[in-house]
Amino acid sequence: MRAYRRVGGLGLQYYAELMLNHAGYRSSLPAGLPAQGRYRDTVTVRLTQLLKHQTWRLSLFAFVSPADADYLLIPEVSYRLSDRLSATVGANVFGGQRDTTFLGQFDRNDNAYAALRFDF
């Protein structure tokens, strides 16, 4: 039985914005256009796990906005068939409570993808 070494990683990032003249912004909005909040923050997380001599790569990227209550999840699986050829499958999964937020507007636009890559 062979023992394989697992290699993985975790990345975290936090970002925040504060609109200084929010009252002026709200008063200048055209009628019917939803106003953005004064405060907006986002958290990003990337998890990566390499398996079987780094031929398999499992990855999850998550972009979450607690202030807007929306998110984007990108799970991905990649396999190196050789040193020059790899295959990848993944998805983009959007969500949110409102269709007027940055990511929530894409809630019905989830998609899956596949790629075959040749390096030369």
PDB file of N, CA and C in Angstrom:
ATOM      1  N   MET A   1       0.842  -1.176   0.000  1.00  0.00           N
ATOM      2  CA  MET A   1       0.000   0.000   0.000  1.00  0.00           C
ATOM      3  C   MET A   1       0.887   1.239   0.000  1.00  0.00           C
ATOM      4  N   ARG A   2       0.608   2.156  -0.912  1.00  0.00           N
ATOM      5  CA  ARG A   2       1.392   3.386  -1.001  1.00  0.00           C
ATOM      6  C   ARG A   2       0.798   4.473  -0.122  1.00  0.00           C
ATOM      7  N   ALA A   3       1.672   5.261   0.419  1.00  0.00           N
ATOM      8  CA  ALA A   3       1.226   6.427   1.184  1.00  0.00           C
ATOM      9  C   ALA A   3       1.429   7.661   0.315  1.00  0.00           C
ATOM     10  N   TYR A   4       0.375   8.414   0.087  1.00  0.00           N
ATOM     11  CA  TYR A   4       0.455   9.630  -0.718  1.00  0.00           C
ATOM     12  C   TYR A   4       0.450  10.839   0.202  1.00  0.00           C
ATOM     13  N   ARG A   5       1.262  11.786  -0.144  1.00  0.00           N
ATOM     14  CA  ARG A   5       1.322  13.024   0.630  1.00  0.00           C
ATOM     15  C   ARG A   5       0.284  13.994   0.098  1.00  0.00           C
ATOM     16  N   ARG A   6      -0.528  14.529   0.965  1.00  0.00           N
ATOM     17  CA  ARG A   6      -1.535  15.502   0.584  1.00  0.00           C
ATOM     18  C   ARG A   6      -0.979  16.905   0.774  1.00  0.00           C
ATOM     19  N   VAL A   7      -1.224  17.751  -0.210  1.00  0.00           N
ATOM     20  CA  VAL A   7      -0.786  19.140  -0.132  1.00  0.00           C
ATOM     21  C   VAL A   7      -2.026  19.999  -0.300  1.00  0.00           C
ATOM     22  N   GLY A   8      -2.184  20.974   0.558  1.00  0.00           N
ATOM     23  CA  GLY A   8      -3.369  21.817   0.475  1.00  0.00           C
ATOM     24  C   GLY A   8      -3.086  23.214   0.955  1.00  0.00           C
ATOM     25  N   GLY A   9      -4.075  24.071   0.768  1.00  0.00           N
ATOM     26  CA  GLY A   9      -3.897  25.444   1.193  1.00  0.00           C
ATOM     27  C   GLY A   9      -5.220  26.115   1.506  1.00  0.00           C
ATOM     28  N   LEU A  10      -5.132  27.176   2.263  1.00  0.00           N
ATOM     29  CA  LEU A  10      -6.284  27.974   2.644  1.00  0.00           C
ATOM     30  C   LEU A  10      -5.892  29.429   2.517  1.00  0.00           C
ATOM     31  N   GLY A  11      -6.717  30.209   1.822  1.00  0.00           N
ATOM     32  CA  GLY A  11      -6.497  31.644   1.707  1.00  0.00           C
ATOM     33  C   GLY A  11      -7.741  32.392   2.127  1.00  0.00           C
ATOM     34  N   LEU A  12      -7.584  33.440   2.912  1.00  0.00           N
ATOM     35  CA  LEU A  12      -8.697  34.258   3.387  1.00  0.00           C
ATOM     36  C   LEU A  12      -8.422  35.725   3.094  1.00  0.00           C
ATOM     37  N   GLN A  13      -9.481  36.451   2.794  1.00  0.00           N
ATOM     38  CA  GLN A  13      -9.347  37.894   2.569  1.00  0.00           C
ATOM     39  C   GLN A  13     -10.628  38.577   3.024  1.00  0.00           C
ATOM     40  N   TYR A  14     -10.494  39.762   3.627  1.00  0.00           N
ATOM     41  CA  TYR A  14     -11.643  40.564   4.042  1.00  0.00           C
ATOM     42  C   TYR A  14     -11.484  41.958   3.446  1.00  0.00           C
ATOM     43  N   TYR A  15     -12.579  42.495   2.920  1.00  0.00           N
ATOM     44  CA  TYR A  15     -12.559  43.810   2.284  1.00  0.00           C
ATOM     45  C   TYR A  15     -13.811  44.564   2.706  1.00  0.00           C
ATOM     46  N   ALA A  16     -13.671  45.861   3.009  1.00  0.00           N
ATOM     47  CA  ALA A  16     -14.822  46.667   3.424  1.00  0.00           C
ATOM     48  C   ALA A  16     -14.788  48.031   2.742  1.00  0.00           C
ATOM     49  N   GLU A  17     -15.977  48.545   2.424  1.00  0.00           N
ATOM     50  CA  GLU A  17     -16.141  49.882   1.844  1.00  0.00           C
ATOM     51  C   GLU A  17     -17.124  50.673   2.700  1.00  0.00           C
ATOM     52  N   LEU A  18     -16.870  51.961   2.820  1.00  0.00           N
ATOM     53  CA  LEU A  18     -17.777  52.855   3.523  1.00  0.00           C
ATOM     54  C   LEU A  18     -17.992  54.079   2.643  1.00  0.00           C
ATOM     55  N   MET A  19     -19.240  54.329   2.241  1.00  0.00           N
ATOM     56  CA  MET A  19     -19.560  55.481   1.399  1.00  0.00           C
ATOM     57  C   MET A  19     -19.685  56.710   2.297  1.00  0.00           C
ATOM     58  N   LEU A  20     -18.865  57.742   2.028  1.00  0.00           N
ATOM     59  CA  LEU A  20     -18.814  58.900   2.918  1.00  0.00           C
ATOM     60  C   LEU A  20     -20.058  59.781   2.826  1.00  0.00           C
ATOM     61  N   ASN A  21     -20.470  60.177   1.643  1.00  0.00           N
ATOM     62  CA  ASN A  21     -21.631  61.063   1.512  1.00  0.00           C
ATOM     63  C   ASN A  21     -22.847  60.255   1.056  1.00  0.00           C
ATOM     64  N   HIS A  22     -23.285  59.351   1.906  1.00  0.00           N
ATOM     65  CA  HIS A  22     -24.388  58.453   1.548  1.00  0.00           C
ATOM     66  C   HIS A  22     -25.688  59.216   1.360  1.00  0.00           C
ATOM     67  N   ALA A  23     -25.932  60.239   2.144  1.00  0.00           N
ATOM     68  CA  ALA A  23     -27.169  61.032   2.005  1.00  0.00           C
ATOM     69  C   ALA A  23     -27.206  61.728   0.647  1.00  0.00           C
ATOM     70  N   GLY A  24     -26.073  62.279   0.196  1.00  0.00           N
ATOM     71  CA  GLY A  24     -26.000  62.911  -1.119  1.00  0.00           C
ATOM     72  C   GLY A  24     -26.207  61.908  -2.237  1.00  0.00           C
ATOM     73  N   TYR A  25     -25.663  60.725  -2.068  1.00  0.00           N
ATOM     74  CA  TYR A  25     -25.850  59.649  -3.044  1.00  0.00           C
ATOM     75  C   TYR A  25     -27.331  59.287  -3.157  1.00  0.00           C
ATOM     76  N   ARG A  26     -27.985  59.101  -2.019  1.00  0.00           N
ATOM     77  CA  ARG A  26     -29.409  58.716  -2.033  1.00  0.00           C
ATOM     78  C   ARG A  26     -30.280  59.802  -2.651  1.00  0.00           C
ATOM     79  N   SER A  27     -29.960  61.050  -2.383  1.00  0.00           N
ATOM     80  CA  SER A  27     -30.796  62.133  -2.924  1.00  0.00           C
ATOM     81  C   SER A  27     -30.612  62.319  -4.436  1.00  0.00           C
ATOM     82  N   SER A  28     -29.511  61.831  -4.983  1.00  0.00           N
ATOM     83  CA  SER A  28     -29.261  61.992  -6.418  1.00  0.00           C
ATOM     84  C   SER A  28     -29.692  60.778  -7.251  1.00  0.00           C
ATOM     85  N   LEU A  29     -30.211  59.737  -6.604  1.00  0.00           N
ATOM     86  CA  LEU A  29     -30.628  58.539  -7.340  1.00  0.00           C
ATOM     87  C   LEU A  29     -31.881  58.808  -8.174  1.00  0.00           C
ATOM     88  N   PRO A  30     -31.914  58.302  -9.404  1.00  0.00           N
ATOM     89  CA  PRO A  30     -33.143  58.408 -10.202  1.00  0.00           C
ATOM     90  C   PRO A  30     -34.275  57.605  -9.551  1.00  0.00           C
ATOM     91  N   ALA A  31     -35.499  58.005  -9.808  1.00  0.00           N
ATOM     92  CA  ALA A  31     -36.670  57.326  -9.235  1.00  0.00           C
ATOM     93  C   ALA A  31     -36.699  55.864  -9.672  1.00  0.00           C
ATOM     94  N   GLY A  32     -36.990  54.980  -8.724  1.00  0.00           N
ATOM     95  CA  GLY A  32     -37.112  53.561  -9.019  1.00  0.00           C
ATOM     96  C   GLY A  32     -35.817  52.774  -8.942  1.00  0.00           C
ATOM     97  N   LEU A  33     -34.678  53.441  -8.862  1.00  0.00           N
ATOM     98  CA  LEU A  33     -33.397  52.748  -8.767  1.00  0.00           C
ATOM     99  C   LEU A  33     -33.117  52.431  -7.300  1.00  0.00           C
ATOM    100  N   PRO A  34     -32.858  51.154  -6.964  1.00  0.00           N
ATOM    101  CA  PRO A  34     -32.621  50.806  -5.557  1.00  0.00           C
ATOM    102  C   PRO A  34     -31.290  51.375  -5.060  1.00  0.00           C
ATOM    103  N   ALA A  35     -31.308  51.856  -3.841  1.00  0.00           N
ATOM    104  CA  ALA A  35     -30.097  52.445  -3.251  1.00  0.00           C
ATOM    105  C   ALA A  35     -29.211  51.362  -2.649  1.00  0.00           C
ATOM    106  N   GLN A  36     -27.912  51.535  -2.789  1.00  0.00           N
ATOM    107  CA  GLN A  36     -26.962  50.664  -2.126  1.00  0.00           C
ATOM    108  C   GLN A  36     -26.793  51.131  -0.687  1.00  0.00           C
ATOM    109  N   GLY A  37     -26.377  50.219   0.153  1.00  0.00           N
ATOM    110  CA  GLY A  37     -26.151  50.567   1.547  1.00  0.00           C
ATOM    111  C   GLY A  37     -24.901  51.415   1.715  1.00  0.00           C
ATOM    112  N   ARG A  38     -24.802  52.046   2.869  1.00  0.00           N
ATOM    113  CA  ARG A  38     -23.636  52.876   3.154  1.00  0.00           C
ATOM    114  C   ARG A  38     -22.384  52.027   3.360  1.00  0.00           C
ATOM    115  N   TYR A  39     -22.563  50.836   3.900  1.00  0.00           N
ATOM    116  CA  TYR A  39     -21.452  49.949   4.236  1.00  0.00           C
ATOM    117  C   TYR A  39     -21.568  48.667   3.414  1.00  0.00           C
ATOM    118  N   ARG A  40     -20.458  48.195   2.886  1.00  0.00           N
ATOM    119  CA  ARG A  40     -20.423  46.933   2.140  1.00  0.00           C
ATOM    120  C   ARG A  40     -19.135  46.216   2.476  1.00  0.00           C
ATOM    121  N   ASP A  41     -19.240  44.919   2.755  1.00  0.00           N
ATOM    122  CA  ASP A  41     -18.038  44.133   3.030  1.00  0.00           C
ATOM    123  C   ASP A  41     -18.111  42.806   2.290  1.00  0.00           C
ATOM    124  N   THR A  42     -16.939  42.243   2.043  1.00  0.00           N
ATOM    125  CA  THR A  42     -16.848  40.954   1.371  1.00  0.00           C
ATOM    126  C   THR A  42     -15.775  40.102   2.037  1.00  0.00           C
ATOM    127  N   VAL A  43     -16.005  38.805   1.999  1.00  0.00           N
ATOM    128  CA  VAL A  43     -15.053  37.827   2.500  1.00  0.00           C
ATOM    129  C   VAL A  43     -14.796  36.847   1.368  1.00  0.00           C
ATOM    130  N   THR A  44     -13.526  36.567   1.086  1.00  0.00           N
ATOM    131  CA  THR A  44     -13.196  35.548   0.103  1.00  0.00           C
ATOM    132  C   THR A  44     -12.405  34.442   0.787  1.00  0.00           C
ATOM    133  N   VAL A  45     -12.694  33.216   0.358  1.00  0.00           N
ATOM    134  CA  VAL A  45     -12.020  32.036   0.890  1.00  0.00           C
ATOM    135  C   VAL A  45     -11.637  31.150  -0.284  1.00  0.00           C
ATOM    136  N   ARG A  46     -10.408  30.677  -0.292  1.00  0.00           N
ATOM    137  CA  ARG A  46      -9.980  29.701  -1.296  1.00  0.00           C
ATOM    138  C   ARG A  46      -9.392  28.501  -0.562  1.00  0.00           C
ATOM    139  N   LEU A  47      -9.959  27.330  -0.847  1.00  0.00           N
ATOM    140  CA  LEU A  47      -9.464  26.068  -0.322  1.00  0.00           C
ATOM    141  C   LEU A  47      -8.932  25.252  -1.495  1.00  0.00           C
ATOM    142  N   THR A  48      -7.742  24.704  -1.348  1.00  0.00           N
ATOM    143  CA  THR A  48      -7.149  23.896  -2.406  1.00  0.00           C
ATOM    144  C   THR A  48      -6.542  22.640  -1.787  1.00  0.00           C
ATOM    145  N   GLN A  49      -6.799  21.522  -2.419  1.00  0.00           N
ATOM    146  CA  GLN A  49      -6.219  20.252  -1.971  1.00  0.00           C
ATOM    147  C   GLN A  49      -5.631  19.545  -3.185  1.00  0.00           C
ATOM    148  N   LEU A  50      -4.339  19.192  -3.115  1.00  0.00           N
ATOM    149  CA  LEU A  50      -3.660  18.431  -4.163  1.00  0.00           C
ATOM    150  C   LEU A  50      -3.521  16.994  -3.692  1.00  0.00           C
ATOM    151  N   LEU A  51      -3.828  16.053  -4.581  1.00  0.00           N
ATOM    152  CA  LEU A  51      -3.808  14.636  -4.224  1.00  0.00           C
ATOM    153  C   LEU A  51      -3.050  13.820  -5.264  1.00  0.00           C
ATOM    154  N   LYS A  52      -2.648  12.620  -4.892  1.00  0.00           N
ATOM    155  CA  LYS A  52      -2.003  11.651  -5.795  1.00  0.00           C
ATOM    156  C   LYS A  52      -0.862  12.266  -6.588  1.00  0.00           C
ATOM    157  N   HIS A  53       0.179  12.657  -5.922  1.00  0.00           N
ATOM    158  CA  HIS A  53       1.366  13.245  -6.551  1.00  0.00           C
ATOM    159  C   HIS A  53       1.005  14.506  -7.342  1.00  0.00           C
ATOM    160  N   GLN A  54       0.061  15.244  -6.855  1.00  0.00           N
ATOM    161  CA  GLN A  54      -0.402  16.507  -7.431  1.00  0.00           C
ATOM    162  C   GLN A  54      -1.032  16.342  -8.820  1.00  0.00           C
ATOM    163  N   THR A  55      -1.555  15.164  -9.111  1.00  0.00           N
ATOM    164  CA  THR A  55      -2.272  14.982 -10.384  1.00  0.00           C
ATOM    165  C   THR A  55      -3.726  15.415 -10.252  1.00  0.00           C
ATOM    166  N   TRP A  56      -4.293  15.334  -9.062  1.00  0.00           N
ATOM    167  CA  TRP A  56      -5.658  15.806  -8.792  1.00  0.00           C
ATOM    168  C   TRP A  56      -5.592  17.108  -8.007  1.00  0.00           C
ATOM    169  N   ARG A  57      -6.413  18.070  -8.403  1.00  0.00           N
ATOM    170  CA  ARG A  57      -6.524  19.331  -7.653  1.00  0.00           C
ATOM    171  C   ARG A  57      -7.994  19.592  -7.387  1.00  0.00           C
ATOM    172  N   LEU A  58      -8.348  19.675  -6.117  1.00  0.00           N
ATOM    173  CA  LEU A  58      -9.704  20.018  -5.692  1.00  0.00           C
ATOM    174  C   LEU A  58      -9.653  21.445  -5.172  1.00  0.00           C
ATOM    175  N   SER A  59     -10.580  22.271  -5.632  1.00  0.00           N
ATOM    176  CA  SER A  59     -10.536  23.679  -5.262  1.00  0.00           C
ATOM    177  C   SER A  59     -11.942  24.212  -5.007  1.00  0.00           C
ATOM    178  N   LEU A  60     -12.054  25.101  -4.045  1.00  0.00           N
ATOM    179  CA  LEU A  60     -13.302  25.815  -3.793  1.00  0.00           C
ATOM    180  C   LEU A  60     -12.958  27.273  -3.535  1.00  0.00           C
ATOM    181  N   PHE A  61     -13.555  28.161  -4.317  1.00  0.00           N
ATOM    182  CA  PHE A  61     -13.410  29.599  -4.103  1.00  0.00           C
ATOM    183  C   PHE A  61     -14.778  30.127  -3.721  1.00  0.00           C
ATOM    184  N   ALA A  62     -14.863  30.857  -2.621  1.00  0.00           N
ATOM    185  CA  ALA A  62     -16.131  31.416  -2.148  1.00  0.00           C
ATOM    186  C   ALA A  62     -15.970  32.920  -1.968  1.00  0.00           C
ATOM    187  N   PHE A  63     -16.900  33.670  -2.544  1.00  0.00           N
ATOM    188  CA  PHE A  63     -16.936  35.127  -2.442  1.00  0.00           C
ATOM    189  C   PHE A  63     -18.266  35.448  -1.788  1.00  0.00           C
ATOM    190  N   VAL A  64     -18.244  35.949  -0.547  1.00  0.00           N
ATOM    191  CA  VAL A  64     -19.463  36.167   0.234  1.00  0.00           C
ATOM    192  C   VAL A  64     -19.512  37.611   0.700  1.00  0.00           C
ATOM    193  N   SER A  65     -20.687  38.235   0.548  1.00  0.00           N
ATOM    194  CA  SER A  65     -20.888  39.586   1.055  1.00  0.00           C
ATOM    195  C   SER A  65     -21.922  39.548   2.181  1.00  0.00           C
ATOM    196  N   PRO A  66     -21.482  39.616   3.446  1.00  0.00           N
ATOM    197  CA  PRO A  66     -22.436  39.599   4.552  1.00  0.00           C
ATOM    198  C   PRO A  66     -23.400  40.793   4.525  1.00  0.00           C
ATOM    199  N   ALA A  67     -22.926  41.959   4.119  1.00  0.00           N
ATOM    200  CA  ALA A  67     -23.781  43.150   4.095  1.00  0.00           C
ATOM    201  C   ALA A  67     -24.886  43.029   3.044  1.00  0.00           C
ATOM    202  N   ASP A  68     -24.557  42.472   1.877  1.00  0.00           N
ATOM    203  CA  ASP A  68     -25.539  42.315   0.799  1.00  0.00           C
ATOM    204  C   ASP A  68     -26.274  40.984   0.853  1.00  0.00           C
ATOM    205  N   ALA A  69     -25.815  40.063   1.681  1.00  0.00           N
ATOM    206  CA  ALA A  69     -26.385  38.715   1.789  1.00  0.00           C
ATOM    207  C   ALA A  69     -26.401  38.028   0.430  1.00  0.00           C
ATOM    208  N   ASP A  70     -25.258  38.060  -0.290  1.00  0.00           N
ATOM    209  CA  ASP A  70     -25.129  37.351  -1.555  1.00  0.00           C
ATOM    210  C   ASP A  70     -23.786  36.632  -1.615  1.00  0.00           C
ATOM    211  N   TYR A  71     -23.629  35.748  -2.603  1.00  0.00           N
ATOM    212  CA  TYR A  71     -22.422  34.933  -2.670  1.00  0.00           C
ATOM    213  C   TYR A  71     -22.175  34.422  -4.082  1.00  0.00           C
ATOM    214  N   LEU A  72     -20.937  33.971  -4.298  1.00  0.00           N
ATOM    215  CA  LEU A  72     -20.520  33.247  -5.499  1.00  0.00           C
ATOM    216  C   LEU A  72     -19.632  32.108  -5.037  1.00  0.00           C
ATOM    217  N   LEU A  73     -19.983  30.877  -5.418  1.00  0.00           N
ATOM    218  CA  LEU A  73     -19.191  29.697  -5.099  1.00  0.00           C
ATOM    219  C   LEU A  73     -18.648  29.113  -6.399  1.00  0.00           C
ATOM    220  N   ILE A  74     -17.363  28.763  -6.414  1.00  0.00           N
ATOM    221  CA  ILE A  74     -16.742  28.176  -7.598  1.00  0.00           C
ATOM    222  C   ILE A  74     -16.005  26.900  -7.178  1.00  0.00           C
ATOM    223  N   PRO A  75     -16.691  25.743  -7.222  1.00  0.00           N
ATOM    224  CA  PRO A  75     -15.997  24.473  -6.979  1.00  0.00           C
ATOM    225  C   PRO A  75     -15.342  24.007  -8.283  1.00  0.00           C
ATOM    226  N   GLU A  76     -14.180  23.355  -8.159  1.00  0.00           N
ATOM    227  CA  GLU A  76     -13.460  22.925  -9.355  1.00  0.00           C
ATOM    228  C   GLU A  76     -12.646  21.672  -9.063  1.00  0.00           C
ATOM    229  N   VAL A  77     -12.621  20.757 -10.036  1.00  0.00           N
ATOM    230  CA  VAL A  77     -11.803  19.551  -9.965  1.00  0.00           C
ATOM    231  C   VAL A  77     -10.954  19.507 -11.229  1.00  0.00           C
ATOM    232  N   SER A  78      -9.652  19.293 -11.031  1.00  0.00           N
ATOM    233  CA  SER A  78      -8.737  19.251 -12.171  1.00  0.00           C
ATOM    234  C   SER A  78      -7.880  17.997 -12.071  1.00  0.00           C
ATOM    235  N   TYR A  79      -7.617  17.378 -13.230  1.00  0.00           N
ATOM    236  CA  TYR A  79      -6.787  16.170 -13.286  1.00  0.00           C
ATOM    237  C   TYR A  79      -5.734  16.339 -14.366  1.00  0.00           C
ATOM    238  N   ARG A  80      -4.474  16.096 -14.003  1.00  0.00           N
ATOM    239  CA  ARG A  80      -3.377  16.172 -14.972  1.00  0.00           C
ATOM    240  C   ARG A  80      -3.202  14.796 -15.599  1.00  0.00           C
ATOM    241  N   LEU A  81      -3.563  14.707 -16.872  1.00  0.00           N
ATOM    242  CA  LEU A  81      -3.427  13.452 -17.602  1.00  0.00           C
ATOM    243  C   LEU A  81      -1.963  13.163 -17.925  1.00  0.00           C
ATOM    244  N   SER A  82      -1.179  14.207 -18.131  1.00  0.00           N
ATOM    245  CA  SER A  82       0.258  14.098 -18.367  1.00  0.00           C
ATOM    246  C   SER A  82       0.877  15.430 -17.967  1.00  0.00           C
ATOM    247  N   ASP A  83       2.168  15.592 -18.210  1.00  0.00           N
ATOM    248  CA  ASP A  83       2.827  16.861 -17.885  1.00  0.00           C
ATOM    249  C   ASP A  83       2.301  18.007 -18.736  1.00  0.00           C
ATOM    250  N   ARG A  84       1.725  17.704 -19.887  1.00  0.00           N
ATOM    251  CA  ARG A  84       1.271  18.751 -20.815  1.00  0.00           C
ATOM    252  C   ARG A  84      -0.239  18.839 -20.965  1.00  0.00           C
ATOM    253  N   LEU A  85      -0.988  17.860 -20.485  1.00  0.00           N
ATOM    254  CA  LEU A  85      -2.430  17.812 -20.726  1.00  0.00           C
ATOM    255  C   LEU A  85      -3.186  17.690 -19.411  1.00  0.00           C
ATOM    256  N   SER A  86      -4.194  18.569 -19.233  1.00  0.00           N
ATOM    257  CA  SER A  86      -5.026  18.501 -18.033  1.00  0.00           C
ATOM    258  C   SER A  86      -6.488  18.720 -18.408  1.00  0.00           C
ATOM    259  N   ALA A  87      -7.370  18.181 -17.572  1.00  0.00           N
ATOM    260  CA  ALA A  87      -8.816  18.328 -17.764  1.00  0.00           C
ATOM    261  C   ALA A  87      -9.401  18.924 -16.483  1.00  0.00           C
ATOM    262  N   THR A  88     -10.349  19.837 -16.653  1.00  0.00           N
ATOM    263  CA  THR A  88     -10.956  20.527 -15.516  1.00  0.00           C
ATOM    264  C   THR A  88     -12.468  20.582 -15.690  1.00  0.00           C
ATOM    265  N   VAL A  89     -13.197  20.380 -14.594  1.00  0.00           N
ATOM    266  CA  VAL A  89     -14.641  20.619 -14.558  1.00  0.00           C
ATOM    267  C   VAL A  89     -14.919  21.486 -13.331  1.00  0.00           C
ATOM    268  N   GLY A  90     -15.907  22.358 -13.467  1.00  0.00           N
ATOM    269  CA  GLY A  90     -16.242  23.244 -12.367  1.00  0.00           C
ATOM    270  C   GLY A  90     -17.601  23.884 -12.575  1.00  0.00           C
ATOM    271  N   ALA A  91     -17.942  24.788 -11.685  1.00  0.00           N
ATOM    272  CA  ALA A  91     -19.237  25.466 -11.746  1.00  0.00           C
ATOM    273  C   ALA A  91     -19.121  26.849 -11.125  1.00  0.00           C
ATOM    274  N   ASN A  92     -20.033  27.734 -11.519  1.00  0.00           N
ATOM    275  CA  ASN A  92     -20.210  29.048 -10.898  1.00  0.00           C
ATOM    276  C   ASN A  92     -21.620  29.070 -10.334  1.00  0.00           C
ATOM    277  N   VAL A  93     -21.729  29.184  -9.015  1.00  0.00           N
ATOM    278  CA  VAL A  93     -23.024  29.136  -8.345  1.00  0.00           C
ATOM    279  C   VAL A  93     -23.245  30.476  -7.641  1.00  0.00           C
ATOM    280  N   PHE A  94     -24.235  31.224  -8.120  1.00  0.00           N
ATOM    281  CA  PHE A  94     -24.557  32.544  -7.563  1.00  0.00           C
ATOM    282  C   PHE A  94     -25.766  32.436  -6.646  1.00  0.00           C
ATOM    283  N   GLY A  95     -25.861  33.358  -5.690  1.00  0.00           N
ATOM    284  CA  GLY A  95     -27.035  33.400  -4.829  1.00  0.00           C
ATOM    285  C   GLY A  95     -27.129  34.715  -4.094  1.00  0.00           C
ATOM    286  N   GLY A  96     -28.319  35.006  -3.639  1.00  0.00           N
ATOM    287  CA  GLY A  96     -28.538  36.222  -2.868  1.00  0.00           C
ATOM    288  C   GLY A  96     -30.000  36.380  -2.522  1.00  0.00           C
ATOM    289  N   GLN A  97     -30.278  37.203  -1.523  1.00  0.00           N
ATOM    290  CA  GLN A  97     -31.656  37.420  -1.096  1.00  0.00           C
ATOM    291  C   GLN A  97     -32.384  38.404  -1.999  1.00  0.00           C
ATOM    292  N   ARG A  98     -31.628  39.305  -2.665  1.00  0.00           N
ATOM    293  CA  ARG A  98     -32.256  40.311  -3.535  1.00  0.00           C
ATOM    294  C   ARG A  98     -31.587  40.271  -4.906  1.00  0.00           C
ATOM    295  N   ASP A  99     -32.340  40.608  -5.934  1.00  0.00           N
ATOM    296  CA  ASP A  99     -31.763  40.614  -7.279  1.00  0.00           C
ATOM    297  C   ASP A  99     -31.173  41.969  -7.644  1.00  0.00           C
ATOM    298  N   THR A 100     -30.980  42.836  -6.665  1.00  0.00           N
ATOM    299  CA  THR A 100     -30.374  44.152  -6.908  1.00  0.00           C
ATOM    300  C   THR A 100     -28.965  44.267  -6.335  1.00  0.00           C
ATOM    301  N   THR A 101     -28.458  43.206  -5.690  1.00  0.00           N
ATOM    302  CA  THR A 101     -27.109  43.259  -5.135  1.00  0.00           C
ATOM    303  C   THR A 101     -26.087  42.821  -6.183  1.00  0.00           C
ATOM    304  N   PHE A 102     -24.826  43.065  -5.900  1.00  0.00           N
ATOM    305  CA  PHE A 102     -23.744  42.814  -6.850  1.00  0.00           C
ATOM    306  C   PHE A 102     -23.749  41.377  -7.368  1.00  0.00           C
ATOM    307  N   LEU A 103     -23.847  40.390  -6.491  1.00  0.00           N
ATOM    308  CA  LEU A 103     -23.865  38.988  -6.917  1.00  0.00           C
ATOM    309  C   LEU A 103     -25.267  38.412  -6.997  1.00  0.00           C
ATOM    310  N   GLY A 104     -26.186  38.938  -6.221  1.00  0.00           N
ATOM    311  CA  GLY A 104     -27.561  38.447  -6.235  1.00  0.00           C
ATOM    312  C   GLY A 104     -28.248  38.632  -7.577  1.00  0.00           C
ATOM    313  N   GLN A 105     -27.825  39.625  -8.356  1.00  0.00           N
ATOM    314  CA  GLN A 105     -28.427  39.861  -9.670  1.00  0.00           C
ATOM    315  C   GLN A 105     -28.172  38.711 -10.642  1.00  0.00           C
ATOM    316  N   PHE A 106     -27.177  37.870 -10.351  1.00  0.00           N
ATOM    317  CA  PHE A 106     -26.852  36.742 -11.220  1.00  0.00           C
ATOM    318  C   PHE A 106     -27.405  35.416 -10.690  1.00  0.00           C
ATOM    319  N   ASP A 107     -28.333  35.466  -9.745  1.00  0.00           N
ATOM    320  CA  ASP A 107     -28.826  34.274  -9.063  1.00  0.00           C
ATOM    321  C   ASP A 107     -29.327  33.196 -10.020  1.00  0.00           C
ATOM    322  N   ARG A 108     -29.893  33.570 -11.141  1.00  0.00           N
ATOM    323  CA  ARG A 108     -30.416  32.583 -12.090  1.00  0.00           C
ATOM    324  C   ARG A 108     -29.402  32.245 -13.193  1.00  0.00           C
ATOM    325  N   ASN A 109     -28.157  32.606 -13.011  1.00  0.00           N
ATOM    326  CA  ASN A 109     -27.140  32.398 -14.040  1.00  0.00           C
ATOM    327  C   ASN A 109     -26.061  31.400 -13.632  1.00  0.00           C
ATOM    328  N   ASP A 110     -26.426  30.428 -12.801  1.00  0.00           N
ATOM    329  CA  ASP A 110     -25.471  29.377 -12.457  1.00  0.00           C
ATOM    330  C   ASP A 110     -25.047  28.664 -13.734  1.00  0.00           C
ATOM    331  N   ASN A 111     -23.820  28.174 -13.752  1.00  0.00           N
ATOM    332  CA  ASN A 111     -23.346  27.458 -14.932  1.00  0.00           C
ATOM    333  C   ASN A 111     -22.265  26.458 -14.551  1.00  0.00           C
ATOM    334  N   ALA A 112     -22.058  25.503 -15.436  1.00  0.00           N
ATOM    335  CA  ALA A 112     -21.000  24.508 -15.280  1.00  0.00           C
ATOM    336  C   ALA A 112     -20.090  24.612 -16.490  1.00  0.00           C
ATOM    337  N   TYR A 113     -18.848  24.208 -16.320  1.00  0.00           N
ATOM    338  CA  TYR A 113     -17.899  24.288 -17.426  1.00  0.00           C
ATOM    339  C   TYR A 113     -16.946  23.102 -17.388  1.00  0.00           C
ATOM    340  N   ALA A 114     -16.360  22.835 -18.526  1.00  0.00           N
ATOM    341  CA  ALA A 114     -15.321  21.818 -18.664  1.00  0.00           C
ATOM    342  C   ALA A 114     -14.246  22.378 -19.568  1.00  0.00           C
ATOM    343  N   ALA A 115     -13.005  22.047 -19.293  1.00  0.00           N
ATOM    344  CA  ALA A 115     -11.886  22.546 -20.097  1.00  0.00           C
ATOM    345  C   ALA A 115     -10.839  21.444 -20.251  1.00  0.00           C
ATOM    346  N   LEU A 116     -10.241  21.430 -21.407  1.00  0.00           N
ATOM    347  CA  LEU A 116      -9.117  20.550 -21.687  1.00  0.00           C
ATOM    348  C   LEU A 116      -7.963  21.474 -22.071  1.00  0.00           C
ATOM    349  N   ARG A 117      -6.851  21.351 -21.351  1.00  0.00           N
ATOM    350  CA  ARG A 117      -5.741  22.284 -21.560  1.00  0.00           C
ATOM    351  C   ARG A 117      -4.488  21.529 -21.982  1.00  0.00           C
ATOM    352  N   PHE A 118      -3.853  22.041 -23.046  1.00  0.00           N
ATOM    353  CA  PHE A 118      -2.590  21.495 -23.534  1.00  0.00           C
ATOM    354  C   PHE A 118      -1.525  22.574 -23.395  1.00  0.00           C
ATOM    355  N   ASP A 119      -0.476  22.281 -22.644  1.00  0.00           N
ATOM    356  CA  ASP A 119       0.625  23.227 -22.440  1.00  0.00           C
ATOM    357  C   ASP A 119       1.761  22.865 -23.382  1.00  0.00           C
ATOM    358  N   PHE A 120       2.312  23.873 -24.056  1.00  0.00           N
ATOM    359  CA  PHE A 120       3.450  23.610 -24.945  1.00  0.00           C
ATOM    360  C   PHE A 120       4.545  24.623 -24.728  1.00  0.00           C
TER     361      PHE A 120
END
